[in-house]
N, C-alpha and C. Protein backbone atom coordinates (compact mmCIF):
# COMPACT_ATOMS: atom_id res chain seq x y z
N MET A 1 10.29 -52.50 33.14
CA MET A 1 11.26 -53.52 33.49
C MET A 1 10.71 -54.87 33.04
N THR A 2 11.50 -55.62 32.31
CA THR A 2 11.11 -56.92 31.81
C THR A 2 11.46 -57.98 32.83
N GLU A 3 10.49 -58.82 33.17
CA GLU A 3 10.75 -59.91 34.11
C GLU A 3 10.49 -61.24 33.43
N THR A 4 11.43 -62.14 33.58
CA THR A 4 11.29 -63.48 33.04
C THR A 4 11.64 -64.45 34.14
N GLY A 5 10.70 -65.26 34.51
CA GLY A 5 10.95 -66.25 35.55
C GLY A 5 11.39 -65.62 36.86
N GLY A 6 10.90 -64.41 37.16
CA GLY A 6 11.26 -63.74 38.41
C GLY A 6 12.56 -62.96 38.34
N ILE A 7 13.17 -62.90 37.15
CA ILE A 7 14.43 -62.17 37.00
C ILE A 7 14.15 -60.86 36.27
N ALA A 8 14.57 -59.76 36.87
CA ALA A 8 14.39 -58.44 36.27
C ALA A 8 15.49 -58.25 35.23
N GLY A 9 15.10 -58.22 33.97
CA GLY A 9 16.06 -58.14 32.87
C GLY A 9 16.92 -56.90 32.91
N ASP A 10 16.31 -55.75 33.22
CA ASP A 10 17.07 -54.50 33.25
C ASP A 10 18.13 -54.53 34.35
N ARG A 11 17.77 -55.04 35.49
CA ARG A 11 18.71 -55.12 36.62
C ARG A 11 19.86 -56.08 36.27
N LEU A 12 19.53 -57.21 35.69
CA LEU A 12 20.53 -58.19 35.29
C LEU A 12 21.48 -57.59 34.24
N ARG A 13 20.92 -56.91 33.24
CA ARG A 13 21.71 -56.28 32.20
C ARG A 13 22.67 -55.26 32.80
N SER A 14 22.20 -54.50 33.79
CA SER A 14 23.04 -53.52 34.46
C SER A 14 24.25 -54.18 35.13
N PHE A 15 24.02 -55.28 35.82
CA PHE A 15 25.12 -56.01 36.46
C PHE A 15 26.12 -56.52 35.42
N VAL A 16 25.59 -57.13 34.36
CA VAL A 16 26.45 -57.70 33.32
C VAL A 16 27.28 -56.61 32.66
N GLU A 17 26.69 -55.47 32.36
CA GLU A 17 27.42 -54.38 31.72
C GLU A 17 28.50 -53.81 32.64
N ARG A 18 28.19 -53.70 33.94
CA ARG A 18 29.20 -53.23 34.90
C ARG A 18 30.37 -54.20 34.97
N ILE A 19 30.06 -55.49 35.00
CA ILE A 19 31.11 -56.51 35.04
C ILE A 19 31.97 -56.43 33.78
N GLU A 20 31.32 -56.27 32.64
CA GLU A 20 32.06 -56.18 31.38
C GLU A 20 33.00 -54.98 31.37
N ARG A 21 32.53 -53.83 31.85
CA ARG A 21 33.38 -52.64 31.92
C ARG A 21 34.57 -52.87 32.84
N LEU A 22 34.32 -53.49 33.99
CA LEU A 22 35.41 -53.77 34.93
C LEU A 22 36.41 -54.76 34.35
N GLU A 23 35.92 -55.75 33.61
CA GLU A 23 36.82 -56.72 32.96
C GLU A 23 37.71 -56.01 31.94
N GLU A 24 37.15 -55.06 31.20
CA GLU A 24 37.93 -54.28 30.24
C GLU A 24 39.00 -53.46 30.96
N GLU A 25 38.62 -52.84 32.07
CA GLU A 25 39.59 -52.06 32.85
C GLU A 25 40.69 -52.97 33.40
N LYS A 26 40.29 -54.16 33.86
CA LYS A 26 41.26 -55.11 34.40
C LYS A 26 42.25 -55.53 33.32
N ALA A 27 41.75 -55.77 32.11
CA ALA A 27 42.63 -56.16 31.00
C ALA A 27 43.59 -55.03 30.66
N ALA A 28 43.10 -53.80 30.68
CA ALA A 28 43.96 -52.65 30.39
C ALA A 28 45.03 -52.51 31.47
N LEU A 29 44.65 -52.69 32.73
CA LEU A 29 45.63 -52.62 33.82
C LEU A 29 46.66 -53.73 33.72
N ALA A 30 46.22 -54.92 33.36
CA ALA A 30 47.15 -56.05 33.21
C ALA A 30 48.16 -55.74 32.10
N ALA A 31 47.70 -55.13 31.03
CA ALA A 31 48.61 -54.76 29.93
C ALA A 31 49.61 -53.70 30.41
N ASP A 32 49.14 -52.76 31.21
CA ASP A 32 50.03 -51.73 31.75
C ASP A 32 51.09 -52.35 32.66
N ILE A 33 50.68 -53.31 33.47
CA ILE A 33 51.61 -53.99 34.38
C ILE A 33 52.65 -54.76 33.59
N ARG A 34 52.21 -55.47 32.54
CA ARG A 34 53.16 -56.20 31.69
C ARG A 34 54.17 -55.23 31.07
N GLU A 35 53.70 -54.07 30.67
CA GLU A 35 54.58 -53.07 30.07
C GLU A 35 55.64 -52.59 31.07
N VAL A 36 55.23 -52.38 32.32
CA VAL A 36 56.19 -51.94 33.35
C VAL A 36 57.23 -53.03 33.60
N TYR A 37 56.78 -54.29 33.68
CA TYR A 37 57.74 -55.39 33.86
C TYR A 37 58.70 -55.47 32.67
N SER A 38 58.20 -55.26 31.48
CA SER A 38 59.04 -55.28 30.28
C SER A 38 60.06 -54.15 30.32
N GLU A 39 59.61 -52.99 30.76
CA GLU A 39 60.52 -51.85 30.88
C GLU A 39 61.60 -52.14 31.92
N ALA A 40 61.20 -52.73 33.05
CA ALA A 40 62.17 -53.09 34.09
C ALA A 40 63.18 -54.10 33.56
N LYS A 41 62.69 -55.08 32.81
CA LYS A 41 63.58 -56.09 32.22
C LYS A 41 64.56 -55.42 31.25
N GLY A 42 64.08 -54.47 30.49
CA GLY A 42 64.92 -53.77 29.53
C GLY A 42 66.02 -52.96 30.18
N THR A 43 65.83 -52.60 31.44
CA THR A 43 66.87 -51.85 32.15
C THR A 43 67.74 -52.76 33.01
N GLY A 44 67.54 -54.08 32.88
CA GLY A 44 68.44 -55.03 33.54
C GLY A 44 67.92 -55.70 34.79
N PHE A 45 66.68 -55.42 35.19
CA PHE A 45 66.13 -56.06 36.38
C PHE A 45 65.61 -57.45 36.05
N ASP A 46 65.70 -58.36 37.01
CA ASP A 46 65.20 -59.72 36.86
C ASP A 46 63.71 -59.71 37.18
N VAL A 47 62.90 -59.95 36.17
CA VAL A 47 61.45 -59.85 36.32
C VAL A 47 60.90 -60.89 37.30
N LYS A 48 61.46 -62.09 37.28
CA LYS A 48 61.00 -63.13 38.19
C LYS A 48 61.18 -62.68 39.65
N ILE A 49 62.34 -62.11 39.95
CA ILE A 49 62.60 -61.64 41.30
C ILE A 49 61.74 -60.43 41.62
N LEU A 50 61.57 -59.56 40.64
CA LEU A 50 60.72 -58.38 40.83
C LEU A 50 59.29 -58.78 41.19
N ARG A 51 58.78 -59.81 40.53
CA ARG A 51 57.43 -60.31 40.86
C ARG A 51 57.38 -60.84 42.29
N GLN A 52 58.44 -61.52 42.71
CA GLN A 52 58.50 -62.03 44.09
C GLN A 52 58.50 -60.88 45.09
N VAL A 53 59.26 -59.83 44.79
CA VAL A 53 59.31 -58.68 45.68
C VAL A 53 57.93 -58.04 45.81
N VAL A 54 57.24 -57.88 44.70
CA VAL A 54 55.89 -57.30 44.72
C VAL A 54 54.96 -58.17 45.56
N ARG A 55 55.05 -59.49 45.37
CA ARG A 55 54.22 -60.42 46.15
C ARG A 55 54.52 -60.31 47.65
N LEU A 56 55.80 -60.24 47.98
CA LEU A 56 56.20 -60.15 49.39
C LEU A 56 55.74 -58.83 50.02
N ARG A 57 55.80 -57.75 49.26
CA ARG A 57 55.37 -56.45 49.80
C ARG A 57 53.88 -56.41 50.10
N LYS A 58 53.11 -57.25 49.44
CA LYS A 58 51.67 -57.31 49.69
C LYS A 58 51.35 -58.02 51.00
N MET A 59 52.29 -58.82 51.47
CA MET A 59 52.06 -59.64 52.66
C MET A 59 52.23 -58.83 53.94
N GLU A 60 51.55 -59.29 54.98
CA GLU A 60 51.76 -58.72 56.31
C GLU A 60 53.16 -59.08 56.77
N GLU A 61 53.77 -58.21 57.53
CA GLU A 61 55.14 -58.42 58.01
C GLU A 61 55.27 -59.75 58.75
N SER A 62 54.32 -60.06 59.62
CA SER A 62 54.40 -61.30 60.40
C SER A 62 54.30 -62.53 59.50
N ASP A 63 53.45 -62.48 58.50
CA ASP A 63 53.32 -63.61 57.56
C ASP A 63 54.60 -63.78 56.75
N ARG A 64 55.18 -62.66 56.34
CA ARG A 64 56.42 -62.71 55.56
C ARG A 64 57.56 -63.28 56.40
N GLN A 65 57.66 -62.85 57.65
CA GLN A 65 58.71 -63.37 58.53
C GLN A 65 58.54 -64.86 58.76
N GLU A 66 57.30 -65.28 58.99
CA GLU A 66 57.04 -66.70 59.21
C GLU A 66 57.44 -67.52 57.99
N GLN A 67 57.09 -67.04 56.82
CA GLN A 67 57.42 -67.74 55.58
C GLN A 67 58.94 -67.82 55.39
N GLU A 68 59.63 -66.73 55.67
CA GLU A 68 61.08 -66.71 55.53
C GLU A 68 61.75 -67.66 56.53
N GLU A 69 61.22 -67.73 57.76
CA GLU A 69 61.78 -68.63 58.77
C GLU A 69 61.59 -70.09 58.37
N ILE A 70 60.42 -70.41 57.84
CA ILE A 70 60.15 -71.79 57.41
C ILE A 70 61.05 -72.14 56.22
N LEU A 71 61.19 -71.21 55.28
CA LEU A 71 62.07 -71.45 54.13
C LEU A 71 63.50 -71.69 54.61
N ASP A 72 63.97 -70.87 55.57
CA ASP A 72 65.31 -71.04 56.10
C ASP A 72 65.47 -72.40 56.78
N LEU A 73 64.46 -72.81 57.53
CA LEU A 73 64.47 -74.11 58.20
C LEU A 73 64.58 -75.25 57.17
N TYR A 74 63.80 -75.18 56.12
CA TYR A 74 63.82 -76.20 55.08
C TYR A 74 65.19 -76.23 54.38
N LYS A 75 65.73 -75.05 54.10
CA LYS A 75 67.04 -74.99 53.44
C LYS A 75 68.12 -75.60 54.31
N ARG A 76 68.07 -75.31 55.62
CA ARG A 76 69.05 -75.90 56.53
C ARG A 76 68.89 -77.42 56.60
N ALA A 77 67.65 -77.88 56.58
CA ALA A 77 67.40 -79.32 56.63
C ALA A 77 67.95 -80.01 55.38
N LEU A 78 68.01 -79.29 54.29
CA LEU A 78 68.52 -79.84 53.02
C LEU A 78 69.98 -79.46 52.77
N ASN A 79 70.62 -78.88 53.81
CA ASN A 79 72.03 -78.45 53.70
C ASN A 79 72.25 -77.53 52.51
N MET A 80 71.39 -76.58 52.37
CA MET A 80 71.51 -75.63 51.25
C MET A 80 72.12 -74.33 51.75
């Protein structure tokens, strides 16, 4: 194991290589997600709204309800 300034080169290289592999996987997944959105758009779905639905489904029910109530309050205040 090579050490420079107290840093184990082999251990550092291992971390960097793992990160690089994960970044490659992340890029591949992002491309797959873009492809699914494109397919949805091609069948007539609104991608902007679809992204909002996905974001909302990730949220806890209580957080989503709170956000919707605040949005409704703001809309009423603006006579929308």
